[in-house]
Amino acid sequence: MRSIISFLKKYQNILKGILFISILILVIIELFHMGKTISFSAVKKIIEHLSPLQVLSLFIFGILAVSPMMLYDYILTKELGKEISVGAY
């Protein structure tokens, strides 16, 4: 068990890089798949028919949907005593 932990600590940065690249590749593949299935002209047509109030509502509800995750991350980093570094990997 200790050998596994020492191996993971020794190669921690490399493993983080592999994980990051793997997730990035999966996201790019999914974006290509979504791009093939979404009709952008239909999306544009739908957005053009939305009123400014509806667009504002979508924006506000989007922020409300993401805020619990952001609050969780903030509280977790404070509890663990970690610093949040923006833009640094």
PDB file of N, CA and C in Angstrom:
ATOM      1  N   MET A   1       0.829  -1.198   0.000  1.00  0.00           N
ATOM      2  CA  MET A   1       0.000   0.000   0.000  1.00  0.00           C
ATOM      3  C   MET A   1       0.866   1.252   0.000  1.00  0.00           C
ATOM      4  N   ARG A   2       1.923   1.217   0.790  1.00  0.00           N
ATOM      5  CA  ARG A   2       2.804   2.393   0.837  1.00  0.00           C
ATOM      6  C   ARG A   2       3.513   2.627  -0.489  1.00  0.00           C
ATOM      7  N   SER A   3       3.808   1.534  -1.189  1.00  0.00           N
ATOM      8  CA  SER A   3       4.473   1.690  -2.486  1.00  0.00           C
ATOM      9  C   SER A   3       3.536   2.359  -3.496  1.00  0.00           C
ATOM     10  N   ILE A   4       2.254   2.040  -3.403  1.00  0.00           N
ATOM     11  CA  ILE A   4       1.278   2.667  -4.305  1.00  0.00           C
ATOM     12  C   ILE A   4       1.172   4.155  -3.995  1.00  0.00           C
ATOM     13  N   ILE A   5       1.103   4.500  -2.717  1.00  0.00           N
ATOM     14  CA  ILE A   5       1.001   5.905  -2.315  1.00  0.00           C
ATOM     15  C   ILE A   5       2.257   6.668  -2.702  1.00  0.00           C
ATOM     16  N   SER A   6       3.422   6.070  -2.504  1.00  0.00           N
ATOM     17  CA  SER A   6       4.656   6.759  -2.885  1.00  0.00           C
ATOM     18  C   SER A   6       4.742   6.926  -4.398  1.00  0.00           C
ATOM     19  N   PHE A   7       4.255   5.925  -5.158  1.00  0.00           N
ATOM     20  CA  PHE A   7       4.233   6.038  -6.615  1.00  0.00           C
ATOM     21  C   PHE A   7       3.321   7.185  -7.047  1.00  0.00           C
ATOM     22  N   LEU A   8       2.127   7.254  -6.434  1.00  0.00           N
ATOM     23  CA  LEU A   8       1.182   8.313  -6.788  1.00  0.00           C
ATOM     24  C   LEU A   8       1.723   9.685  -6.429  1.00  0.00           C
ATOM     25  N   LYS A   9       2.387   9.795  -5.290  1.00  0.00           N
ATOM     26  CA  LYS A   9       2.969  11.088  -4.906  1.00  0.00           C
ATOM     27  C   LYS A   9       4.109  11.472  -5.829  1.00  0.00           C
ATOM     28  N   LYS A  10       4.913  10.490  -6.227  1.00  0.00           N
ATOM     29  CA  LYS A  10       6.062  10.760  -7.091  1.00  0.00           C
ATOM     30  C   LYS A  10       5.622  11.264  -8.465  1.00  0.00           C
ATOM     31  N   TYR A  11       4.576  10.655  -8.987  1.00  0.00           N
ATOM     32  CA  TYR A  11       4.111  11.001 -10.333  1.00  0.00           C
ATOM     33  C   TYR A  11       2.804  11.788 -10.312  1.00  0.00           C
ATOM     34  N   GLN A  12       2.563  12.518  -9.251  1.00  0.00           N
ATOM     35  CA  GLN A  12       1.312  13.245  -9.073  1.00  0.00           C
ATOM     36  C   GLN A  12       1.069  14.241 -10.195  1.00  0.00           C
ATOM     37  N   ASN A  13       2.053  15.026 -10.554  1.00  0.00           N
ATOM     38  CA  ASN A  13       1.867  16.040 -11.598  1.00  0.00           C
ATOM     39  C   ASN A  13       1.621  15.407 -12.958  1.00  0.00           C
ATOM     40  N   ILE A  14       2.308  14.315 -13.244  1.00  0.00           N
ATOM     41  CA  ILE A  14       2.104  13.634 -14.523  1.00  0.00           C
ATOM     42  C   ILE A  14       0.695  13.050 -14.581  1.00  0.00           C
ATOM     43  N   LEU A  15       0.254  12.437 -13.477  1.00  0.00           N
ATOM     44  CA  LEU A  15      -1.089  11.867 -13.435  1.00  0.00           C
ATOM     45  C   LEU A  15      -2.158  12.940 -13.561  1.00  0.00           C
ATOM     46  N   LYS A  16      -1.929  14.101 -12.953  1.00  0.00           N
ATOM     47  CA  LYS A  16      -2.876  15.209 -13.101  1.00  0.00           C
ATOM     48  C   LYS A  16      -2.952  15.658 -14.555  1.00  0.00           C
ATOM     49  N   GLY A  17      -1.816  15.730 -15.202  1.00  0.00           N
ATOM     50  CA  GLY A  17      -1.780  16.118 -16.615  1.00  0.00           C
ATOM     51  C   GLY A  17      -2.507  15.124 -17.497  1.00  0.00           C
ATOM     52  N   ILE A  18      -2.302  13.832 -17.233  1.00  0.00           N
ATOM     53  CA  ILE A  18      -2.987  12.791 -18.002  1.00  0.00           C
ATOM     54  C   ILE A  18      -4.491  12.887 -17.792  1.00  0.00           C
ATOM     55  N   LEU A  19      -4.906  13.096 -16.549  1.00  0.00           N
ATOM     56  CA  LEU A  19      -6.331  13.239 -16.259  1.00  0.00           C
ATOM     57  C   LEU A  19      -6.918  14.447 -16.979  1.00  0.00           C
ATOM     58  N   PHE A  20      -6.219  15.584 -16.922  1.00  0.00           N
ATOM     59  CA  PHE A  20      -6.691  16.804 -17.577  1.00  0.00           C
ATOM     60  C   PHE A  20      -6.821  16.600 -19.081  1.00  0.00           C
ATOM     61  N   ILE A  21      -5.808  16.009 -19.697  1.00  0.00           N
ATOM     62  CA  ILE A  21      -5.835  15.794 -21.147  1.00  0.00           C
ATOM     63  C   ILE A  21      -6.937  14.810 -21.522  1.00  0.00           C
ATOM     64  N   SER A  22      -7.137  13.773 -20.715  1.00  0.00           N
ATOM     65  CA  SER A  22      -8.193  12.795 -20.986  1.00  0.00           C
ATOM     66  C   SER A  22      -9.567  13.451 -20.948  1.00  0.00           C
ATOM     67  N   ILE A  23      -9.804  14.252 -19.936  1.00  0.00           N
ATOM     68  CA  ILE A  23     -11.094  14.938 -19.828  1.00  0.00           C
ATOM     69  C   ILE A  23     -11.268  15.924 -20.979  1.00  0.00           C
ATOM     70  N   LEU A  24     -10.209  16.635 -21.327  1.00  0.00           N
ATOM     71  CA  LEU A  24     -10.270  17.578 -22.443  1.00  0.00           C
ATOM     72  C   LEU A  24     -10.616  16.868 -23.744  1.00  0.00           C
ATOM     73  N   ILE A  25     -10.015  15.724 -23.994  1.00  0.00           N
ATOM     74  CA  ILE A  25     -10.301  14.956 -25.207  1.00  0.00           C
ATOM     75  C   ILE A  25     -11.766  14.510 -25.225  1.00  0.00           C
ATOM     76  N   LEU A  26     -12.262  14.026 -24.079  1.00  0.00           N
ATOM     77  CA  LEU A  26     -13.667  13.603 -24.008  1.00  0.00           C
ATOM     78  C   LEU A  26     -14.615  14.768 -24.259  1.00  0.00           C
ATOM     79  N   VAL A  27     -14.295  15.932 -23.715  1.00  0.00           N
ATOM     80  CA  VAL A  27     -15.145  17.110 -23.926  1.00  0.00           C
ATOM     81  C   VAL A  27     -15.146  17.504 -25.402  1.00  0.00           C
ATOM     82  N   ILE A  28     -14.000  17.494 -26.035  1.00  0.00           N
ATOM     83  CA  ILE A  28     -13.914  17.860 -27.454  1.00  0.00           C
ATOM     84  C   ILE A  28     -14.697  16.871 -28.309  1.00  0.00           C
ATOM     85  N   ILE A  29     -14.571  15.575 -28.007  1.00  0.00           N
ATOM     86  CA  ILE A  29     -15.324  14.564 -28.764  1.00  0.00           C
ATOM     87  C   ILE A  29     -16.823  14.788 -28.609  1.00  0.00           C
ATOM     88  N   GLU A  30     -17.268  15.034 -27.396  1.00  0.00           N
ATOM     89  CA  GLU A  30     -18.692  15.269 -27.162  1.00  0.00           C
ATOM     90  C   GLU A  30     -19.180  16.540 -27.853  1.00  0.00           C
ATOM     91  N   LEU A  31     -18.349  17.579 -27.871  1.00  0.00           N
ATOM     92  CA  LEU A  31     -18.733  18.806 -28.576  1.00  0.00           C
ATOM     93  C   LEU A  31     -18.921  18.551 -30.063  1.00  0.00           C
ATOM     94  N   PHE A  32     -18.054  17.729 -30.647  1.00  0.00           N
ATOM     95  CA  PHE A  32     -18.212  17.391 -32.066  1.00  0.00           C
ATOM     96  C   PHE A  32     -19.492  16.597 -32.296  1.00  0.00           C
ATOM     97  N   HIS A  33     -19.790  15.653 -31.404  1.00  0.00           N
ATOM     98  CA  HIS A  33     -21.027  14.883 -31.534  1.00  0.00           C
ATOM     99  C   HIS A  33     -22.244  15.784 -31.391  1.00  0.00           C
ATOM    100  N   MET A  34     -22.216  16.696 -30.439  1.00  0.00           N
ATOM    101  CA  MET A  34     -23.338  17.616 -30.253  1.00  0.00           C
ATOM    102  C   MET A  34     -23.473  18.544 -31.446  1.00  0.00           C
ATOM    103  N   GLY A  35     -22.353  18.981 -31.996  1.00  0.00           N
ATOM    104  CA  GLY A  35     -22.391  19.864 -33.161  1.00  0.00           C
ATOM    105  C   GLY A  35     -23.041  19.218 -34.362  1.00  0.00           C
ATOM    106  N   LYS A  36     -22.919  17.897 -34.468  1.00  0.00           N
ATOM    107  CA  LYS A  36     -23.533  17.186 -35.589  1.00  0.00           C
ATOM    108  C   LYS A  36     -25.035  17.009 -35.396  1.00  0.00           C
ATOM    109  N   THR A  37     -25.481  16.971 -34.146  1.00  0.00           N
ATOM    110  CA  THR A  37     -26.894  16.703 -33.896  1.00  0.00           C
ATOM    111  C   THR A  37     -27.724  17.961 -33.695  1.00  0.00           C
ATOM    112  N   ILE A  38     -27.083  19.097 -33.472  1.00  0.00           N
ATOM    113  CA  ILE A  38     -27.809  20.346 -33.230  1.00  0.00           C
ATOM    114  C   ILE A  38     -27.914  21.134 -34.529  1.00  0.00           C
ATOM    115  N   SER A  39     -29.104  21.582 -34.829  1.00  0.00           N
ATOM    116  CA  SER A  39     -29.321  22.438 -35.986  1.00  0.00           C
ATOM    117  C   SER A  39     -29.186  23.891 -35.520  1.00  0.00           C
ATOM    118  N   PHE A  40     -28.079  24.522 -35.869  1.00  0.00           N
ATOM    119  CA  PHE A  40     -27.826  25.878 -35.398  1.00  0.00           C
ATOM    120  C   PHE A  40     -28.806  26.887 -35.994  1.00  0.00           C
ATOM    121  N   SER A  41     -29.298  26.604 -37.181  1.00  0.00           N
ATOM    122  CA  SER A  41     -30.301  27.507 -37.758  1.00  0.00           C
ATOM    123  C   SER A  41     -31.596  27.443 -36.952  1.00  0.00           C
ATOM    124  N   ALA A  42     -31.966  26.245 -36.475  1.00  0.00           N
ATOM    125  CA  ALA A  42     -33.166  26.116 -35.647  1.00  0.00           C
ATOM    126  C   ALA A  42     -32.973  26.806 -34.299  1.00  0.00           C
ATOM    127  N   VAL A  43     -31.792  26.675 -33.727  1.00  0.00           N
ATOM    128  CA  VAL A  43     -31.505  27.348 -32.453  1.00  0.00           C
ATOM    129  C   VAL A  43     -31.563  28.861 -32.634  1.00  0.00           C
ATOM    130  N   LYS A  44     -30.991  29.345 -33.730  1.00  0.00           N
ATOM    131  CA  LYS A  44     -31.015  30.781 -34.002  1.00  0.00           C
ATOM    132  C   LYS A  44     -32.442  31.282 -34.152  1.00  0.00           C
ATOM    133  N   LYS A  45     -33.265  30.498 -34.842  1.00  0.00           N
ATOM    134  CA  LYS A  45     -34.664  30.879 -35.042  1.00  0.00           C
ATOM    135  C   LYS A  45     -35.402  30.951 -33.704  1.00  0.00           C
ATOM    136  N   ILE A  46     -35.141  29.990 -32.838  1.00  0.00           N
ATOM    137  CA  ILE A  46     -35.796  29.974 -31.527  1.00  0.00           C
ATOM    138  C   ILE A  46     -35.352  31.163 -30.688  1.00  0.00           C
ATOM    139  N   ILE A  47     -34.067  31.454 -30.690  1.00  0.00           N
ATOM    140  CA  ILE A  47     -33.539  32.567 -29.887  1.00  0.00           C
ATOM    141  C   ILE A  47     -34.070  33.902 -30.395  1.00  0.00           C
ATOM    142  N   GLU A  48     -34.222  34.025 -31.704  1.00  0.00           N
ATOM    143  CA  GLU A  48     -34.745  35.277 -32.261  1.00  0.00           C
ATOM    144  C   GLU A  48     -36.168  35.556 -31.803  1.00  0.00           C
ATOM    145  N   HIS A  49     -36.940  34.510 -31.498  1.00  0.00           N
ATOM    146  CA  HIS A  49     -38.333  34.687 -31.082  1.00  0.00           C
ATOM    147  C   HIS A  49     -38.490  34.893 -29.579  1.00  0.00           C
ATOM    148  N   LEU A  50     -37.388  34.872 -28.844  1.00  0.00           N
ATOM    149  CA  LEU A  50     -37.466  35.097 -27.396  1.00  0.00           C
ATOM    150  C   LEU A  50     -37.506  36.593 -27.094  1.00  0.00           C
ATOM    151  N   SER A  51     -38.302  36.935 -26.118  1.00  0.00           N
ATOM    152  CA  SER A  51     -38.347  38.339 -25.700  1.00  0.00           C
ATOM    153  C   SER A  51     -37.146  38.626 -24.792  1.00  0.00           C
ATOM    154  N   PRO A  52     -36.797  39.902 -24.637  1.00  0.00           N
ATOM    155  CA  PRO A  52     -35.686  40.230 -23.730  1.00  0.00           C
ATOM    156  C   PRO A  52     -35.918  39.718 -22.301  1.00  0.00           C
ATOM    157  N   LEU A  53     -37.157  39.699 -21.859  1.00  0.00           N
ATOM    158  CA  LEU A  53     -37.466  39.180 -20.522  1.00  0.00           C
ATOM    159  C   LEU A  53     -37.179  37.681 -20.443  1.00  0.00           C
ATOM    160  N   GLN A  54     -37.495  36.962 -21.495  1.00  0.00           N
ATOM    161  CA  GLN A  54     -37.213  35.528 -21.507  1.00  0.00           C
ATOM    162  C   GLN A  54     -35.709  35.257 -21.517  1.00  0.00           C
ATOM    163  N   VAL A  55     -34.952  36.044 -22.275  1.00  0.00           N
ATOM    164  CA  VAL A  55     -33.496  35.892 -22.299  1.00  0.00           C
ATOM    165  C   VAL A  55     -32.917  36.200 -20.929  1.00  0.00           C
ATOM    166  N   LEU A  56     -33.389  37.257 -20.300  1.00  0.00           N
ATOM    167  CA  LEU A  56     -32.938  37.612 -18.947  1.00  0.00           C
ATOM    168  C   LEU A  56     -33.283  36.502 -17.960  1.00  0.00           C
ATOM    169  N   SER A  57     -34.477  35.930 -18.088  1.00  0.00           N
ATOM    170  CA  SER A  57     -34.888  34.827 -17.213  1.00  0.00           C
ATOM    171  C   SER A  57     -33.977  33.618 -17.392  1.00  0.00           C
ATOM    172  N   LEU A  58     -33.657  33.284 -18.637  1.00  0.00           N
ATOM    173  CA  LEU A  58     -32.746  32.172 -18.896  1.00  0.00           C
ATOM    174  C   LEU A  58     -31.384  32.418 -18.263  1.00  0.00           C
ATOM    175  N   PHE A  59     -30.893  33.642 -18.377  1.00  0.00           N
ATOM    176  CA  PHE A  59     -29.598  33.998 -17.794  1.00  0.00           C
ATOM    177  C   PHE A  59     -29.631  33.859 -16.273  1.00  0.00           C
ATOM    178  N   ILE A  60     -30.673  34.388 -15.657  1.00  0.00           N
ATOM    179  CA  ILE A  60     -30.785  34.341 -14.188  1.00  0.00           C
ATOM    180  C   ILE A  60     -30.922  32.899 -13.710  1.00  0.00           C
ATOM    181  N   PHE A  61     -31.779  32.114 -14.366  1.00  0.00           N
ATOM    182  CA  PHE A  61     -31.938  30.715 -13.958  1.00  0.00           C
ATOM    183  C   PHE A  61     -30.661  29.909 -14.190  1.00  0.00           C
ATOM    184  N   GLY A  62     -29.910  30.256 -15.214  1.00  0.00           N
ATOM    185  CA  GLY A  62     -28.623  29.592 -15.445  1.00  0.00           C
ATOM    186  C   GLY A  62     -27.650  29.862 -14.314  1.00  0.00           C
ATOM    187  N   ILE A  63     -27.587  31.116 -13.870  1.00  0.00           N
ATOM    188  CA  ILE A  63     -26.715  31.464 -12.747  1.00  0.00           C
ATOM    189  C   ILE A  63     -27.186  30.765 -11.474  1.00  0.00           C
ATOM    190  N   LEU A  64     -28.491  30.732 -11.259  1.00  0.00           N
ATOM    191  CA  LEU A  64     -29.034  30.040 -10.083  1.00  0.00           C
ATOM    192  C   LEU A  64     -28.729  28.542 -10.117  1.00  0.00           C
ATOM    193  N   ALA A  65     -28.711  27.956 -11.294  1.00  0.00           N
ATOM    194  CA  ALA A  65     -28.429  26.527 -11.411  1.00  0.00           C
ATOM    195  C   ALA A  65     -26.970  26.208 -11.089  1.00  0.00           C
ATOM    196  N   VAL A  66     -26.064  27.107 -11.414  1.00  0.00           N
ATOM    197  CA  VAL A  66     -24.635  26.871 -11.213  1.00  0.00           C
ATOM    198  C   VAL A  66     -24.169  27.303  -9.827  1.00  0.00           C
ATOM    199  N   SER A  67     -24.872  28.232  -9.208  1.00  0.00           N
ATOM    200  CA  SER A  67     -24.407  28.794  -7.931  1.00  0.00           C
ATOM    201  C   SER A  67     -24.252  27.773  -6.806  1.00  0.00           C
ATOM    202  N   PRO A  68     -25.103  26.740  -6.661  1.00  0.00           N
ATOM    203  CA  PRO A  68     -24.846  25.766  -5.592  1.00  0.00           C
ATOM    204  C   PRO A  68     -23.515  25.031  -5.753  1.00  0.00           C
ATOM    205  N   MET A  69     -23.143  24.725  -6.989  1.00  0.00           N
ATOM    206  CA  MET A  69     -21.854  24.058  -7.223  1.00  0.00           C
ATOM    207  C   MET A  69     -20.700  24.985  -6.863  1.00  0.00           C
ATOM    208  N   MET A  70     -20.813  26.245  -7.239  1.00  0.00           N
ATOM    209  CA  MET A  70     -19.755  27.204  -6.932  1.00  0.00           C
ATOM    210  C   MET A  70     -19.652  27.428  -5.423  1.00  0.00           C
ATOM    211  N   LEU A  71     -20.792  27.499  -4.755  1.00  0.00           N
ATOM    212  CA  LEU A  71     -20.801  27.674  -3.306  1.00  0.00           C
ATOM    213  C   LEU A  71     -20.197  26.451  -2.621  1.00  0.00           C
ATOM    214  N   TYR A  72     -20.510  25.269  -3.111  1.00  0.00           N
ATOM    215  CA  TYR A  72     -19.938  24.040  -2.558  1.00  0.00           C
ATOM    216  C   TYR A  72     -18.422  24.056  -2.696  1.00  0.00           C
ATOM    217  N   ASP A  73     -17.910  24.405  -3.886  1.00  0.00           N
ATOM    218  CA  ASP A  73     -16.462  24.477  -4.095  1.00  0.00           C
ATOM    219  C   ASP A  73     -15.820  25.489  -3.161  1.00  0.00           C
ATOM    220  N   TYR A  74     -16.457  26.632  -2.993  1.00  0.00           N
ATOM    221  CA  TYR A  74     -15.926  27.682  -2.123  1.00  0.00           C
ATOM    222  C   TYR A  74     -15.855  27.193  -0.675  1.00  0.00           C
ATOM    223  N   ILE A  75     -16.934  26.601  -0.194  1.00  0.00           N
ATOM    224  CA  ILE A  75     -16.966  26.119   1.190  1.00  0.00           C
ATOM    225  C   ILE A  75     -15.964  24.993   1.389  1.00  0.00           C
ATOM    226  N   LEU A  76     -15.865  24.075   0.434  1.00  0.00           N
ATOM    227  CA  LEU A  76     -14.930  22.960   0.548  1.00  0.00           C
ATOM    228  C   LEU A  76     -13.488  23.434   0.620  1.00  0.00           C
ATOM    229  N   THR A  77     -13.119  24.389  -0.235  1.00  0.00           N
ATOM    230  CA  THR A  77     -11.742  24.882  -0.208  1.00  0.00           C
ATOM    231  C   THR A  77     -11.446  25.629   1.083  1.00  0.00           C
ATOM    232  N   LYS A  78     -12.415  26.332   1.619  1.00  0.00           N
ATOM    233  CA  LYS A  78     -12.216  27.022   2.905  1.00  0.00           C
ATOM    234  C   LYS A  78     -12.063  26.021   4.037  1.00  0.00           C
ATOM    235  N   GLU A  79     -12.881  24.970   4.042  1.00  0.00           N
ATOM    236  CA  GLU A  79     -12.810  23.948   5.096  1.00  0.00           C
ATOM    237  C   GLU A  79     -11.493  23.183   5.038  1.00  0.00           C
ATOM    238  N   LEU A  80     -11.000  22.938   3.831  1.00  0.00           N
ATOM    239  CA  LEU A  80      -9.740  22.207   3.687  1.00  0.00           C
ATOM    240  C   LEU A  80      -8.523  23.099   3.837  1.00  0.00           C
ATOM    241  N   GLY A  81      -8.755  24.402   3.946  1.00  0.00           N
ATOM    242  CA  GLY A  81      -7.644  25.346   4.102  1.00  0.00           C
ATOM    243  C   GLY A  81      -6.834  25.530   2.841  1.00  0.00           C
ATOM    244  N   LYS A  82      -7.456  25.331   1.703  1.00  0.00           N
ATOM    245  CA  LYS A  82      -6.758  25.469   0.415  1.00  0.00           C
ATOM    246  C   LYS A  82      -6.952  26.865  -0.144  1.00  0.00           C
ATOM    247  N   GLU A  83      -5.994  27.281  -0.953  1.00  0.00           N
ATOM    248  CA  GLU A  83      -6.095  28.543  -1.662  1.00  0.00           C
ATOM    249  C   GLU A  83      -6.642  28.285  -3.059  1.00  0.00           C
ATOM    250  N   ILE A  84      -7.497  29.161  -3.518  1.00  0.00           N
ATOM    251  CA  ILE A  84      -8.027  29.056  -4.875  1.00  0.00           C
ATOM    252  C   ILE A  84      -7.151  29.909  -5.775  1.00  0.00           C
ATOM    253  N   SER A  85      -6.479  29.256  -6.717  1.00  0.00           N
ATOM    254  CA  SER A  85      -5.648  29.983  -7.662  1.00  0.00           C
ATOM    255  C   SER A  85      -6.354  30.012  -9.013  1.00  0.00           C
ATOM    256  N   VAL A  86      -6.571  31.180  -9.533  1.00  0.00           N
ATOM    257  CA  VAL A  86      -7.275  31.327 -10.788  1.00  0.00           C
ATOM    258  C   VAL A  86      -6.264  31.250 -11.928  1.00  0.00           C
ATOM    259  N   GLY A  87      -6.541  30.340 -12.877  1.00  0.00           N
ATOM    260  CA  GLY A  87      -5.708  30.239 -14.061  1.00  0.00           C
ATOM    261  C   GLY A  87      -4.428  29.441 -13.884  1.00  0.00           C
ATOM    262  N   ALA A  88      -4.144  28.951 -12.714  1.00  0.00           N
ATOM    263  CA  ALA A  88      -2.933  28.152 -12.504  1.00  0.00           C
ATOM    264  C   ALA A  88      -3.315  26.696 -12.384  1.00  0.00           C
ATOM    265  N   TYR A  89      -2.545  25.828 -12.999  1.00  0.00           N
ATOM    266  CA  TYR A  89      -2.833  24.400 -12.938  1.00  0.00           C
ATOM    267  C   TYR A  89      -1.906  23.712 -12.004  1.00  0.00           C
TER     268      TYR A  89
END
